[in-house]
Amino acid sequence: MPTSGKRPSFGGYKNLRDDISCGSNGNGSSLGRIPANCLIAANNFDSVTVNTQITGSDVTGWYLGLDQELKSAEMHLYTVYQHLEADIDLITRGDGSVTCKAPD
């Protein structure tokens, strides 16, 4: 049976303002569902039914982690839980504005 060693834990809190990344993989394709120009097509996200553009964001989150050392196996086993909440400011590509709260 493997013997266990140290078991440090860690955690933290973060608040990221205007830090949602719009990007490209270099081949003209988007990273994830948000393209490099931050223009989001209608229905790309369930709660956004019109063409929009990201103009700002506020993401808060916290995380907890545990590192279990397994001496006899000469390895570490990590487990992490992360919780994020995002408020995103959008404008329509036409007239008006849209308010959208990310689902929980």
C-alpha atoms as a PDB file:
ATOM      1  CA  MET A   1       0.000   0.000   0.000  1.00  0.00           C
ATOM      2  CA  PRO A   2       1.447   3.400  -0.935  1.00  0.00           C
ATOM      3  CA  THR A   3       2.515   5.570   1.948  1.00  0.00           C
ATOM      4  CA  SER A   4       1.302   9.102   1.910  1.00  0.00           C
ATOM      5  CA  GLY A   5       3.397  12.136   2.644  1.00  0.00           C
ATOM      6  CA  LYS A   6       2.666  15.817   2.960  1.00  0.00           C
ATOM      7  CA  ARG A   7      -0.833  17.093   2.168  1.00  0.00           C
ATOM      8  CA  PRO A   8      -0.662  20.842   1.542  1.00  0.00           C
ATOM      9  CA  SER A   9      -3.801  22.723   0.594  1.00  0.00           C
ATOM     10  CA  PHE A  10      -4.164  25.999  -1.240  1.00  0.00           C
ATOM     11  CA  GLY A  11      -6.863  28.381  -2.351  1.00  0.00           C
ATOM     12  CA  GLY A  12      -7.542  31.851  -3.553  1.00  0.00           C
ATOM     13  CA  TYR A  13      -9.902  34.497  -4.819  1.00  0.00           C
ATOM     14  CA  LYS A  14      -9.738  36.464  -8.049  1.00  0.00           C
ATOM     15  CA  ASN A  15     -11.547  39.377  -9.636  1.00  0.00           C
ATOM     16  CA  LEU A  16     -10.803  39.954 -13.311  1.00  0.00           C
ATOM     17  CA  ARG A  17     -12.140  43.185 -14.804  1.00  0.00           C
ATOM     18  CA  ASP A  18     -12.272  43.473 -18.604  1.00  0.00           C
ATOM     19  CA  ASP A  19     -10.193  40.321 -18.877  1.00  0.00           C
ATOM     20  CA  ILE A  20     -12.324  38.113 -21.142  1.00  0.00           C
ATOM     21  CA  SER A  21     -10.029  37.154 -23.977  1.00  0.00           C
ATOM     22  CA  CYS A  22     -11.039  37.432 -27.577  1.00  0.00           C
ATOM     23  CA  GLY A  23      -8.582  35.565 -29.718  1.00  0.00           C
ATOM     24  CA  SER A  24      -7.534  33.619 -32.758  1.00  0.00           C
ATOM     25  CA  ASN A  25      -5.475  30.471 -33.103  1.00  0.00           C
ATOM     26  CA  GLY A  26      -3.429  32.075 -35.903  1.00  0.00           C
ATOM     27  CA  ASN A  27      -5.280  30.196 -38.635  1.00  0.00           C
ATOM     28  CA  GLY A  28      -8.268  32.532 -38.653  1.00  0.00           C
ATOM     29  CA  SER A  29     -10.267  30.294 -36.306  1.00  0.00           C
ATOM     30  CA  SER A  30     -11.548  31.402 -32.917  1.00  0.00           C
ATOM     31  CA  LEU A  31     -10.252  30.299 -29.554  1.00  0.00           C
ATOM     32  CA  GLY A  32     -13.365  28.820 -28.019  1.00  0.00           C
ATOM     33  CA  ARG A  33     -16.635  30.567 -28.864  1.00  0.00           C
ATOM     34  CA  ILE A  34     -15.365  34.168 -28.815  1.00  0.00           C
ATOM     35  CA  PRO A  35     -13.637  35.360 -32.035  1.00  0.00           C
ATOM     36  CA  ALA A  36     -10.684  37.772 -32.161  1.00  0.00           C
ATOM     37  CA  ASN A  37     -12.890  40.792 -32.943  1.00  0.00           C
ATOM     38  CA  CYS A  38     -15.172  40.038 -29.921  1.00  0.00           C
ATOM     39  CA  LEU A  39     -18.212  39.955 -32.245  1.00  0.00           C
ATOM     40  CA  ILE A  40     -20.554  37.156 -31.188  1.00  0.00           C
ATOM     41  CA  ALA A  41     -23.104  35.780 -33.641  1.00  0.00           C
ATOM     42  CA  ALA A  42     -26.732  35.435 -32.528  1.00  0.00           C
ATOM     43  CA  ASN A  43     -27.455  32.204 -30.625  1.00  0.00           C
ATOM     44  CA  ASN A  44     -23.761  31.367 -30.177  1.00  0.00           C
ATOM     45  CA  PHE A  45     -24.635  31.418 -26.463  1.00  0.00           C
ATOM     46  CA  ASP A  46     -28.103  30.266 -25.372  1.00  0.00           C
ATOM     47  CA  SER A  47     -29.122  33.502 -23.637  1.00  0.00           C
ATOM     48  CA  VAL A  48     -27.870  35.873 -26.377  1.00  0.00           C
ATOM     49  CA  THR A  49     -30.265  35.852 -29.328  1.00  0.00           C
ATOM     50  CA  VAL A  50     -28.910  38.836 -31.327  1.00  0.00           C
ATOM     51  CA  ASN A  51     -25.538  39.702 -32.857  1.00  0.00           C
ATOM     52  CA  THR A  52     -23.464  41.353 -30.126  1.00  0.00           C
ATOM     53  CA  GLN A  53     -19.991  42.562 -29.213  1.00  0.00           C
ATOM     54  CA  ILE A  54     -18.255  42.294 -25.819  1.00  0.00           C
ATOM     55  CA  THR A  55     -17.465  45.728 -24.377  1.00  0.00           C
ATOM     56  CA  GLY A  56     -16.551  44.800 -20.805  1.00  0.00           C
ATOM     57  CA  SER A  57     -16.580  42.077 -18.195  1.00  0.00           C
ATOM     58  CA  ASP A  58     -16.268  41.400 -14.490  1.00  0.00           C
ATOM     59  CA  VAL A  59     -15.361  37.849 -13.495  1.00  0.00           C
ATOM     60  CA  THR A  60     -15.020  36.802  -9.862  1.00  0.00           C
ATOM     61  CA  GLY A  61     -14.071  33.413  -8.582  1.00  0.00           C
ATOM     62  CA  TRP A  62     -12.532  31.335  -5.857  1.00  0.00           C
ATOM     63  CA  TYR A  63     -10.714  28.033  -5.804  1.00  0.00           C
ATOM     64  CA  LEU A  64      -9.561  25.352  -3.370  1.00  0.00           C
ATOM     65  CA  GLY A  65      -6.971  22.673  -3.991  1.00  0.00           C
ATOM     66  CA  LEU A  66      -5.243  19.758  -2.345  1.00  0.00           C
ATOM     67  CA  ASP A  67      -1.916  18.122  -3.171  1.00  0.00           C
ATOM     68  CA  GLN A  68      -1.459  14.589  -1.838  1.00  0.00           C
ATOM     69  CA  GLU A  69       2.092  13.262  -2.033  1.00  0.00           C
ATOM     70  CA  LEU A  70       2.332   9.483  -2.583  1.00  0.00           C
ATOM     71  CA  LYS A  71       5.893   8.718  -1.492  1.00  0.00           C
ATOM     72  CA  SER A  72       6.132   5.075  -2.518  1.00  0.00           C
ATOM     73  CA  ALA A  73       4.765   5.862  -5.968  1.00  0.00           C
ATOM     74  CA  GLU A  74       6.966   8.972  -6.240  1.00  0.00           C
ATOM     75  CA  MET A  75       4.073  11.067  -7.457  1.00  0.00           C
ATOM     76  CA  HIS A  76       1.630  13.763  -6.437  1.00  0.00           C
ATOM     77  CA  LEU A  77      -2.137  13.672  -6.792  1.00  0.00           C
ATOM     78  CA  TYR A  78      -3.762  17.102  -7.235  1.00  0.00           C
ATOM     79  CA  THR A  79      -7.417  17.968  -6.974  1.00  0.00           C
ATOM     80  CA  VAL A  80      -8.826  21.457  -7.503  1.00  0.00           C
ATOM     81  CA  TYR A  81     -12.317  22.958  -7.349  1.00  0.00           C
ATOM     82  CA  GLN A  82     -12.907  26.309  -9.035  1.00  0.00           C
ATOM     83  CA  HIS A  83     -16.052  28.475  -8.971  1.00  0.00           C
ATOM     84  CA  LEU A  84     -16.484  31.415 -11.397  1.00  0.00           C
ATOM     85  CA  GLU A  85     -19.212  34.026 -11.872  1.00  0.00           C
ATOM     86  CA  ALA A  86     -19.200  36.390 -14.847  1.00  0.00           C
ATOM     87  CA  ASP A  87     -21.019  39.608 -15.682  1.00  0.00           C
ATOM     88  CA  ILE A  88     -20.469  40.516 -19.321  1.00  0.00           C
ATOM     89  CA  ASP A  89     -21.313  43.848 -20.972  1.00  0.00           C
ATOM     90  CA  LEU A  90     -22.579  43.489 -24.522  1.00  0.00           C
ATOM     91  CA  ILE A  91     -23.829  45.858 -27.196  1.00  0.00           C
ATOM     92  CA  THR A  92     -25.818  44.854 -30.235  1.00  0.00           C
ATOM     93  CA  ARG A  93     -24.172  45.287 -33.598  1.00  0.00           C
ATOM     94  CA  GLY A  94     -27.152  47.457 -34.527  1.00  0.00           C
ATOM     95  CA  ASP A  95     -29.006  49.826 -32.200  1.00  0.00           C
ATOM     96  CA  GLY A  96     -29.669  49.277 -28.492  1.00  0.00           C
ATOM     97  CA  SER A  97     -28.018  47.148 -25.856  1.00  0.00           C
ATOM     98  CA  VAL A  98     -28.377  43.693 -24.389  1.00  0.00           C
ATOM     99  CA  THR A  99     -27.953  42.625 -20.772  1.00  0.00           C
ATOM    100  CA  CYS A 100     -26.870  39.063 -20.262  1.00  0.00           C
ATOM    101  CA  LYS A 101     -25.891  37.246 -17.067  1.00  0.00           C
ATOM    102  CA  ALA A 102     -23.923  34.040 -17.445  1.00  0.00           C
ATOM    103  CA  PRO A 103     -25.901  30.981 -16.282  1.00  0.00           C
ATOM    104  CA  ASP A 104     -25.004  29.565 -12.855  1.00  0.00           C
END
